[in-house]
N, C-alpha and C. Protein backbone atom coordinates (compact mmCIF):
# COMPACT_ATOMS: atom_id res chain seq x y z
N UNK A 1 0.82 -1.19 0.00
CA UNK A 1 0.00 0.00 0.00
C UNK A 1 0.86 1.26 0.00
N UNK A 2 1.93 1.24 0.75
CA UNK A 2 2.83 2.38 0.82
C UNK A 2 3.42 2.68 -0.57
N UNK A 3 3.70 1.63 -1.34
CA UNK A 3 4.25 1.80 -2.68
C UNK A 3 3.23 2.48 -3.60
N UNK A 4 1.96 2.09 -3.50
CA UNK A 4 0.90 2.73 -4.29
C UNK A 4 0.77 4.21 -3.94
N UNK A 5 0.86 4.52 -2.68
CA UNK A 5 0.75 5.91 -2.24
C UNK A 5 1.89 6.75 -2.82
N UNK A 6 3.08 6.21 -2.84
CA UNK A 6 4.23 6.92 -3.41
C UNK A 6 4.05 7.13 -4.91
N UNK A 7 3.53 6.14 -5.62
CA UNK A 7 3.31 6.27 -7.06
C UNK A 7 2.29 7.35 -7.35
N UNK A 8 1.19 7.38 -6.62
CA UNK A 8 0.16 8.39 -6.84
C UNK A 8 0.71 9.78 -6.55
N UNK A 9 1.43 9.92 -5.49
CA UNK A 9 2.00 11.20 -5.16
C UNK A 9 3.02 11.63 -6.22
N UNK A 10 3.78 10.71 -6.71
CA UNK A 10 4.76 11.00 -7.73
C UNK A 10 4.08 11.44 -9.02
N UNK A 11 3.02 10.76 -9.39
CA UNK A 11 2.28 11.15 -10.59
C UNK A 11 1.66 12.52 -10.42
N UNK A 12 1.14 12.77 -9.25
CA UNK A 12 0.53 14.06 -8.97
C UNK A 12 1.56 15.18 -9.08
N UNK A 13 2.73 14.95 -8.55
CA UNK A 13 3.80 15.94 -8.64
C UNK A 13 4.24 16.14 -10.08
N UNK A 14 4.31 15.07 -10.83
CA UNK A 14 4.67 15.17 -12.24
C UNK A 14 3.64 16.00 -12.99
N UNK A 15 2.37 15.76 -12.74
CA UNK A 15 1.31 16.50 -13.40
C UNK A 15 1.36 17.98 -13.02
N UNK A 16 1.57 18.29 -11.74
CA UNK A 16 1.69 19.68 -11.31
C UNK A 16 2.87 20.38 -11.97
N UNK A 17 3.98 19.68 -12.01
CA UNK A 17 5.16 20.27 -12.65
C UNK A 17 4.94 20.51 -14.13
N UNK A 18 4.30 19.56 -14.78
CA UNK A 18 3.99 19.73 -16.20
C UNK A 18 3.11 20.95 -16.43
N UNK A 19 2.05 21.08 -15.63
CA UNK A 19 1.17 22.24 -15.78
C UNK A 19 1.88 23.54 -15.46
N UNK A 20 2.71 23.53 -14.43
CA UNK A 20 3.43 24.74 -14.04
C UNK A 20 4.35 25.22 -15.16
N UNK A 21 5.14 24.31 -15.69
CA UNK A 21 6.10 24.71 -16.72
C UNK A 21 5.45 24.98 -18.06
N UNK A 22 4.35 24.33 -18.34
CA UNK A 22 3.60 24.63 -19.56
C UNK A 22 3.02 26.03 -19.48
N UNK A 23 2.47 26.38 -18.32
CA UNK A 23 1.91 27.71 -18.12
C UNK A 23 3.00 28.78 -18.24
N UNK A 24 4.14 28.53 -17.61
CA UNK A 24 5.25 29.48 -17.72
C UNK A 24 5.72 29.63 -19.16
N UNK A 25 5.78 28.53 -19.88
CA UNK A 25 6.18 28.58 -21.28
C UNK A 25 5.20 29.38 -22.13
N UNK A 26 3.92 29.18 -21.90
CA UNK A 26 2.91 29.92 -22.65
C UNK A 26 2.96 31.41 -22.33
N UNK A 27 3.15 31.75 -21.06
CA UNK A 27 3.27 33.16 -20.70
C UNK A 27 4.51 33.79 -21.33
N UNK A 28 5.60 33.05 -21.35
CA UNK A 28 6.83 33.56 -21.99
C UNK A 28 6.65 33.75 -23.49
N UNK A 29 5.98 32.81 -24.13
CA UNK A 29 5.74 32.92 -25.57
C UNK A 29 4.82 34.10 -25.89
N UNK A 30 3.79 34.29 -25.08
CA UNK A 30 2.87 35.41 -25.29
C UNK A 30 3.58 36.75 -25.09
N UNK A 31 4.43 36.82 -24.08
CA UNK A 31 5.19 38.06 -23.84
C UNK A 31 6.13 38.35 -25.00
N UNK A 32 6.81 37.33 -25.47
CA UNK A 32 7.71 37.50 -26.61
C UNK A 32 6.97 37.94 -27.86
N UNK A 33 5.80 37.38 -28.10
CA UNK A 33 5.01 37.77 -29.26
C UNK A 33 4.55 39.22 -29.15
N UNK A 34 4.15 39.63 -27.96
CA UNK A 34 3.71 41.00 -27.75
C UNK A 34 4.85 41.99 -27.99
N UNK A 35 6.02 41.69 -27.46
CA UNK A 35 7.17 42.58 -27.62
C UNK A 35 7.62 42.65 -29.07
N UNK A 36 7.65 41.50 -29.75
CA UNK A 36 8.08 41.51 -31.15
C UNK A 36 7.07 42.23 -32.03
N UNK A 37 5.78 42.12 -31.72
CA UNK A 37 4.77 42.83 -32.51
C UNK A 37 4.93 44.33 -32.32
N UNK A 38 5.17 44.76 -31.10
CA UNK A 38 5.34 46.19 -30.83
C UNK A 38 6.56 46.73 -31.59
N UNK A 39 7.66 45.99 -31.56
CA UNK A 39 8.86 46.44 -32.28
C UNK A 39 8.63 46.48 -33.79
N UNK A 40 7.90 45.48 -34.29
CA UNK A 40 7.62 45.44 -35.74
C UNK A 40 6.77 46.63 -36.14
N UNK A 41 5.75 46.97 -35.35
CA UNK A 41 4.91 48.11 -35.66
C UNK A 41 5.70 49.41 -35.63
N UNK A 42 6.58 49.56 -34.66
CA UNK A 42 7.42 50.75 -34.62
C UNK A 42 8.34 50.83 -35.83
N UNK A 43 8.90 49.70 -36.21
CA UNK A 43 9.80 49.67 -37.37
C UNK A 43 9.06 50.00 -38.66
N UNK A 44 7.80 49.57 -38.76
CA UNK A 44 7.00 49.84 -39.96
C UNK A 44 6.41 51.24 -39.96
N UNK A 45 6.56 51.97 -38.86
CA UNK A 45 6.06 53.33 -38.79
C UNK A 45 4.58 53.41 -38.47
N UNK A 46 4.07 52.43 -37.75
CA UNK A 46 2.66 52.44 -37.37
C UNK A 46 2.54 52.83 -35.90
N UNK A 47 1.48 53.52 -35.59
CA UNK A 47 1.26 54.00 -34.23
C UNK A 47 0.93 52.84 -33.31
N UNK A 48 1.57 52.82 -32.15
CA UNK A 48 1.32 51.75 -31.19
C UNK A 48 0.47 52.23 -30.02
N UNK A 49 0.19 53.54 -29.96
CA UNK A 49 -0.55 54.10 -28.83
C UNK A 49 -1.92 54.61 -29.23
N UNK A 50 -2.39 54.21 -30.39
CA UNK A 50 -3.72 54.60 -30.86
C UNK A 50 -3.90 56.12 -30.90
N UNK A 51 -2.85 56.83 -31.30
CA UNK A 51 -2.93 58.27 -31.49
C UNK A 51 -2.78 59.11 -30.25
N UNK A 52 -2.48 58.53 -29.12
CA UNK A 52 -2.27 59.29 -27.88
C UNK A 52 -0.77 59.51 -27.76
N UNK A 53 -0.29 60.61 -28.31
CA UNK A 53 1.15 60.81 -28.47
C UNK A 53 1.88 61.14 -27.17
N UNK A 54 1.34 62.02 -26.37
CA UNK A 54 2.10 62.50 -25.21
C UNK A 54 2.38 61.40 -24.20
N UNK A 55 1.54 60.39 -24.10
CA UNK A 55 1.76 59.32 -23.14
C UNK A 55 2.55 58.16 -23.70
N UNK A 56 2.95 58.24 -24.94
CA UNK A 56 3.63 57.14 -25.61
C UNK A 56 5.10 57.09 -25.22
N UNK A 57 5.61 55.88 -25.05
CA UNK A 57 7.02 55.71 -24.72
C UNK A 57 7.95 56.00 -25.88
N UNK A 58 7.45 55.97 -27.10
CA UNK A 58 8.27 56.20 -28.28
C UNK A 58 8.08 57.61 -28.84
N UNK A 59 7.49 58.50 -28.06
CA UNK A 59 7.15 59.84 -28.54
C UNK A 59 8.36 60.62 -29.01
N UNK A 60 9.44 60.58 -28.27
CA UNK A 60 10.62 61.38 -28.61
C UNK A 60 11.24 60.97 -29.95
N UNK A 61 11.22 59.67 -30.26
CA UNK A 61 11.83 59.18 -31.48
C UNK A 61 10.84 59.05 -32.64
N UNK A 62 9.57 59.25 -32.37
CA UNK A 62 8.53 58.99 -33.36
C UNK A 62 8.55 60.06 -34.46
N UNK A 63 8.40 59.60 -35.69
CA UNK A 63 8.36 60.52 -36.83
C UNK A 63 7.04 60.49 -37.57
N UNK A 64 6.02 59.92 -36.97
CA UNK A 64 4.70 59.87 -37.60
C UNK A 64 4.07 61.27 -37.59
N UNK A 65 3.20 61.55 -38.54
CA UNK A 65 2.61 62.90 -38.63
C UNK A 65 1.93 63.37 -37.34
N UNK A 66 1.20 62.50 -36.67
CA UNK A 66 0.52 62.92 -35.44
C UNK A 66 1.53 63.32 -34.37
N UNK A 67 2.61 62.58 -34.25
CA UNK A 67 3.63 62.90 -33.25
C UNK A 67 4.37 64.18 -33.61
N UNK A 68 4.66 64.36 -34.88
CA UNK A 68 5.33 65.60 -35.31
C UNK A 68 4.45 66.81 -35.04
N UNK A 69 3.16 66.66 -35.27
CA UNK A 69 2.22 67.74 -34.99
C UNK A 69 2.17 68.04 -33.49
N UNK A 70 2.14 67.00 -32.67
CA UNK A 70 2.11 67.19 -31.22
C UNK A 70 3.40 67.85 -30.74
N UNK A 71 4.53 67.48 -31.31
CA UNK A 71 5.80 68.10 -30.94
C UNK A 71 5.81 69.57 -31.31
N UNK A 72 5.26 69.89 -32.49
CA UNK A 72 5.22 71.28 -32.94
C UNK A 72 4.34 72.11 -31.99
N UNK A 73 3.20 71.57 -31.61
CA UNK A 73 2.30 72.29 -30.69
C UNK A 73 3.00 72.50 -29.35
N UNK A 74 3.72 71.50 -28.86
CA UNK A 74 4.43 71.64 -27.60
C UNK A 74 5.51 72.71 -27.67
N UNK A 75 6.20 72.78 -28.81
CA UNK A 75 7.24 73.80 -28.97
C UNK A 75 6.64 75.20 -29.03
N UNK A 76 5.49 75.33 -29.72
CA UNK A 76 4.86 76.65 -29.85
C UNK A 76 4.32 77.15 -28.51
N UNK A 77 3.81 76.23 -27.71
CA UNK A 77 3.24 76.62 -26.42
C UNK A 77 4.30 76.79 -25.34
N UNK A 78 5.50 76.33 -25.64
CA UNK A 78 6.65 76.57 -24.80
C UNK A 78 6.72 75.82 -23.57
């Protein structure tokens, strides 16, 4: 009986470990996909902030028309 108990516990631990590492792998893959998509959009010159320029992390380097217009307005208003 003790041997059966050890086998069940071992299988349970194996299943938990499998689920844990599968979940971590999926989260890592999703994060990587999100980051690569963001970089690709920036490289292609597409807006990543849905037109909200001042709060965007890429505002300083952005050369899109909306960002250039926002920069011009900021310079004029001082």
